[in-house]
Amino acid sequence: MHNVRTISDLDSSGTEMITGIEPGAVLMTKIETDVVPQYHLNSSLLEATTPAMLAELEQAYSMNEPFVFLVWSPHWMNQEYEFRNLSDPKNAMGSVDAPQTLPSVAREGLAEDDPVAYALINAMRLDEDQVGSLELEINKVEDPETGVRRWLEEKENRELVHPWIEAARRAQEE
C-alpha cells in the first residue's frame, strides 16, 4: 500500500475492510462514529477480538498483502511489524490516537506496609518502545518471568531498571 498515507487514501488501498478489535473499545467507537463518516469511507469495519486481529495481521503480513487494522501504543506489535500509521488530516480520531500512559496503581497503605515494594513501583518508568519490547519478549515464551529475564539481558534494559532497584535499596536502608 505504497500510495496510502492518510485515512482519506483508504478507499484506494486495495482493501475493503478495516479489521478492528473488540466491540465497544474506544478506538472502535471512534472509527465507526467519526472516522468512517468524516472521510466518507466505503471500507467496512470488522469487529474481532484483539488476538483475532493480530492473527489476521500476521497472516496478511507474512503474505505481503494489503491490510488495514487498528493499532495502538504502547503495544508489542509496534516492534514486531513494520507498518505505516495513517495521518488523520481531519482529526477524526481526536486524542485517542496519541500514545497512552500506563500508570502504576497500588493499594492504600502500601507505602507504609512495604516501603521497598512501593519505592520500586514508584520509580518504574518505561516509554512506549520499552513497554513494547518488554511485551514482545514476554510473548515469545510461555513463562512471563523468562521473557522478563531475556529482556533484561540487553544492557540498555538493565541500565533502565537500575534506578528502580536503587530506589528500592534506599527504601530498605531507611
Protein backbone atom coordinates (compact mmCIF):
# COMPACT_ATOMS: atom_id res chain seq x y z
CA MET A 1 0.00 0.00 0.00
CA HIS A 2 2.67 2.42 -1.15
CA ASN A 3 0.33 5.29 -2.05
CA VAL A 4 -1.70 5.15 1.15
CA ARG A 5 -0.55 7.85 3.56
CA THR A 6 -3.74 9.25 5.06
CA ILE A 7 -7.12 7.92 6.13
CA SER A 8 -8.52 9.63 3.01
CA ASP A 9 -6.48 7.19 0.87
CA LEU A 10 -8.06 4.06 2.36
CA ASP A 11 -10.71 3.58 -0.33
CA SER A 12 -7.97 3.35 -2.97
CA SER A 13 -5.82 0.98 -0.86
CA GLY A 14 -6.95 -2.30 -2.39
CA THR A 15 -8.73 -3.35 0.78
CA GLU A 16 -12.41 -3.15 1.56
CA MET A 17 -12.18 -3.86 5.26
CA ILE A 18 -10.72 -2.35 8.40
CA THR A 19 -10.02 -5.12 10.89
CA GLY A 20 -10.92 -3.84 14.29
CA ILE A 21 -10.88 -5.09 17.83
CA GLU A 22 -13.50 -5.80 20.48
CA PRO A 23 -16.85 -4.04 20.09
CA GLY A 24 -17.21 -1.16 22.49
CA ALA A 25 -13.48 -0.34 22.54
CA VAL A 26 -12.88 3.41 22.35
CA LEU A 27 -11.00 3.02 19.06
CA MET A 28 -13.85 1.04 17.52
CA THR A 29 -16.40 3.66 18.52
CA LYS A 30 -14.26 6.50 17.10
CA ILE A 31 -13.76 4.67 13.78
CA GLU A 32 -17.45 3.87 13.43
CA THR A 33 -18.97 7.17 14.56
CA ASP A 34 -16.34 9.70 13.47
CA VAL A 35 -13.70 8.39 11.06
CA VAL A 36 -15.85 6.47 8.54
CA PRO A 37 -18.47 9.25 8.22
CA GLN A 38 -15.99 12.18 8.13
CA TYR A 39 -13.88 10.54 5.44
CA HIS A 40 -16.89 9.01 3.61
CA LEU A 41 -15.11 5.64 3.62
CA ASN A 42 -16.53 2.68 1.74
CA SER A 43 -14.47 0.29 3.87
CA SER A 44 -16.33 -1.93 6.31
CA LEU A 45 -15.25 -2.04 9.94
CA LEU A 46 -15.00 -5.64 11.12
CA GLU A 47 -15.18 -6.39 14.84
CA ALA A 48 -12.72 -9.00 16.08
CA THR A 49 -11.02 -9.91 19.29
CA THR A 50 -7.54 -8.47 19.67
CA PRO A 51 -5.96 -11.95 19.26
CA ALA A 52 -8.02 -12.49 16.08
CA MET A 53 -6.94 -9.10 14.70
CA LEU A 54 -3.31 -9.93 15.47
CA ALA A 55 -3.67 -13.32 13.76
CA GLU A 56 -5.07 -11.60 10.66
CA LEU A 57 -2.20 -9.12 10.80
CA GLU A 58 0.36 -11.94 11.00
CA GLN A 59 -1.22 -13.77 8.05
CA ALA A 60 -1.50 -10.68 5.83
CA TYR A 61 1.97 -9.50 6.80
CA SER A 62 3.59 -12.87 6.04
CA MET A 63 1.84 -12.99 2.65
CA ASN A 64 2.69 -9.33 1.94
CA GLU A 65 -0.99 -8.50 1.40
CA PRO A 66 -2.55 -5.08 1.98
CA PHE A 67 -4.19 -4.96 5.38
CA VAL A 68 -5.88 -2.17 7.35
CA PHE A 69 -6.17 -2.62 11.10
CA LEU A 70 -6.34 -0.69 14.34
CA VAL A 71 -3.06 -0.01 16.08
CA TRP A 72 -2.40 1.47 19.49
CA SER A 73 0.57 2.26 21.58
CA PRO A 74 2.15 1.04 23.69
CA HIS A 75 1.89 -2.48 22.27
CA TRP A 76 4.39 -5.11 21.16
CA MET A 77 3.03 -5.19 17.60
CA ASN A 78 4.79 -1.86 17.02
CA GLN A 79 8.17 -3.58 17.47
CA GLU A 80 7.28 -6.81 15.68
CA TYR A 81 5.88 -5.42 12.44
CA GLU A 82 6.83 -2.64 10.09
CA PHE A 83 3.70 -0.73 9.15
CA ARG A 84 2.56 2.80 8.47
CA ASN A 85 0.31 4.80 10.73
CA LEU A 86 -2.03 6.82 8.56
CA SER A 87 -2.29 10.54 9.11
CA ASP A 88 -5.66 11.97 10.09
CA PRO A 89 -5.83 15.44 8.48
CA LYS A 90 -9.44 15.91 9.62
CA ASN A 91 -8.52 14.92 13.21
CA ALA A 92 -11.45 12.49 13.24
CA MET A 93 -9.64 10.27 15.76
CA GLY A 94 -9.09 13.19 18.14
CA SER A 95 -6.79 12.47 21.05
CA VAL A 96 -7.31 8.69 21.09
CA ASP A 97 -4.51 8.21 18.57
CA ALA A 98 -1.91 9.77 20.89
CA PRO A 99 0.35 7.38 22.85
CA GLN A 100 -1.24 6.41 26.12
CA THR A 101 0.23 6.10 29.59
CA LEU A 102 0.07 3.11 31.88
CA PRO A 103 0.07 4.43 35.43
CA SER A 104 1.04 2.32 38.42
CA VAL A 105 -1.71 1.68 40.92
CA ALA A 106 -1.06 0.48 44.44
CA ARG A 107 -3.39 -0.18 47.31
CA GLU A 108 -3.75 2.41 50.02
CA GLY A 109 -1.19 1.86 52.76
CA LEU A 110 1.37 0.02 50.62
CA ALA A 111 3.97 2.75 51.22
CA GLU A 112 3.76 2.10 54.97
CA ASP A 113 3.32 -1.68 54.82
CA ASP A 114 6.04 -2.39 52.25
CA PRO A 115 8.12 0.72 51.54
CA VAL A 116 10.61 -1.26 49.42
CA ALA A 117 7.93 -2.53 47.02
CA TYR A 118 6.33 0.91 46.95
CA ALA A 119 9.66 2.60 46.14
CA LEU A 120 10.35 0.11 43.34
CA ILE A 121 6.90 0.57 41.79
CA ASN A 122 7.07 4.34 42.19
CA ALA A 123 10.45 4.51 40.40
CA MET A 124 9.36 2.47 37.36
CA ARG A 125 9.27 4.39 34.10
CA LEU A 126 9.05 2.91 30.60
CA ASP A 127 8.45 4.71 27.33
CA GLU A 128 6.23 3.16 24.67
CA ASP A 129 9.11 1.43 22.85
CA GLN A 130 10.38 -0.06 26.11
CA VAL A 131 6.92 -1.34 27.02
CA GLY A 132 6.55 -2.81 23.53
CA SER A 133 9.92 -4.54 23.59
CA LEU A 134 9.20 -5.99 27.05
CA GLU A 135 5.78 -7.26 25.93
CA LEU A 136 7.36 -8.76 22.81
CA GLU A 137 9.91 -10.74 24.84
CA ILE A 138 7.20 -11.96 27.22
CA ASN A 139 5.02 -13.06 24.28
CA LYS A 140 7.85 -15.09 22.74
CA VAL A 141 7.93 -17.52 25.68
CA GLU A 142 5.36 -19.35 27.80
CA ASP A 143 6.63 -18.05 31.12
CA PRO A 144 6.50 -14.26 31.67
CA GLU A 145 9.43 -14.40 34.08
CA THR A 146 11.59 -15.95 31.36
CA GLY A 147 10.55 -13.18 28.98
CA VAL A 148 11.49 -10.51 31.50
CA ARG A 149 14.85 -12.19 32.11
CA ARG A 150 15.52 -12.23 28.36
CA TRP A 151 14.55 -8.57 28.13
CA LEU A 152 16.99 -7.79 30.93
CA GLU A 153 19.82 -9.47 29.00
CA GLU A 154 20.02 -6.29 26.93
CA LYS A 155 22.43 -3.82 28.54
CA GLU A 156 20.19 -0.81 27.88
CA ASN A 157 17.28 -2.52 29.67
CA ARG A 158 19.45 -3.41 32.68
CA GLU A 159 20.56 0.23 32.81
CA LEU A 160 16.92 1.31 32.63
CA VAL A 161 15.97 -0.90 35.58
CA HIS A 162 18.99 0.05 37.71
CA PRO A 163 17.40 3.25 39.18
CA TRP A 164 14.33 1.24 40.18
CA ILE A 165 16.49 -1.18 42.13
CA GLU A 166 18.43 1.69 43.70
CA ALA A 167 15.17 3.31 44.84
CA ALA A 168 14.14 0.01 46.47
CA ARG A 169 17.54 -0.33 48.14
CA ARG A 170 17.35 3.23 49.53
CA ALA A 171 13.89 2.47 50.94
CA GLN A 172 15.21 -0.72 52.51
CA GLU A 173 18.01 1.20 54.23
CA GLU A 174 15.64 3.76 55.76
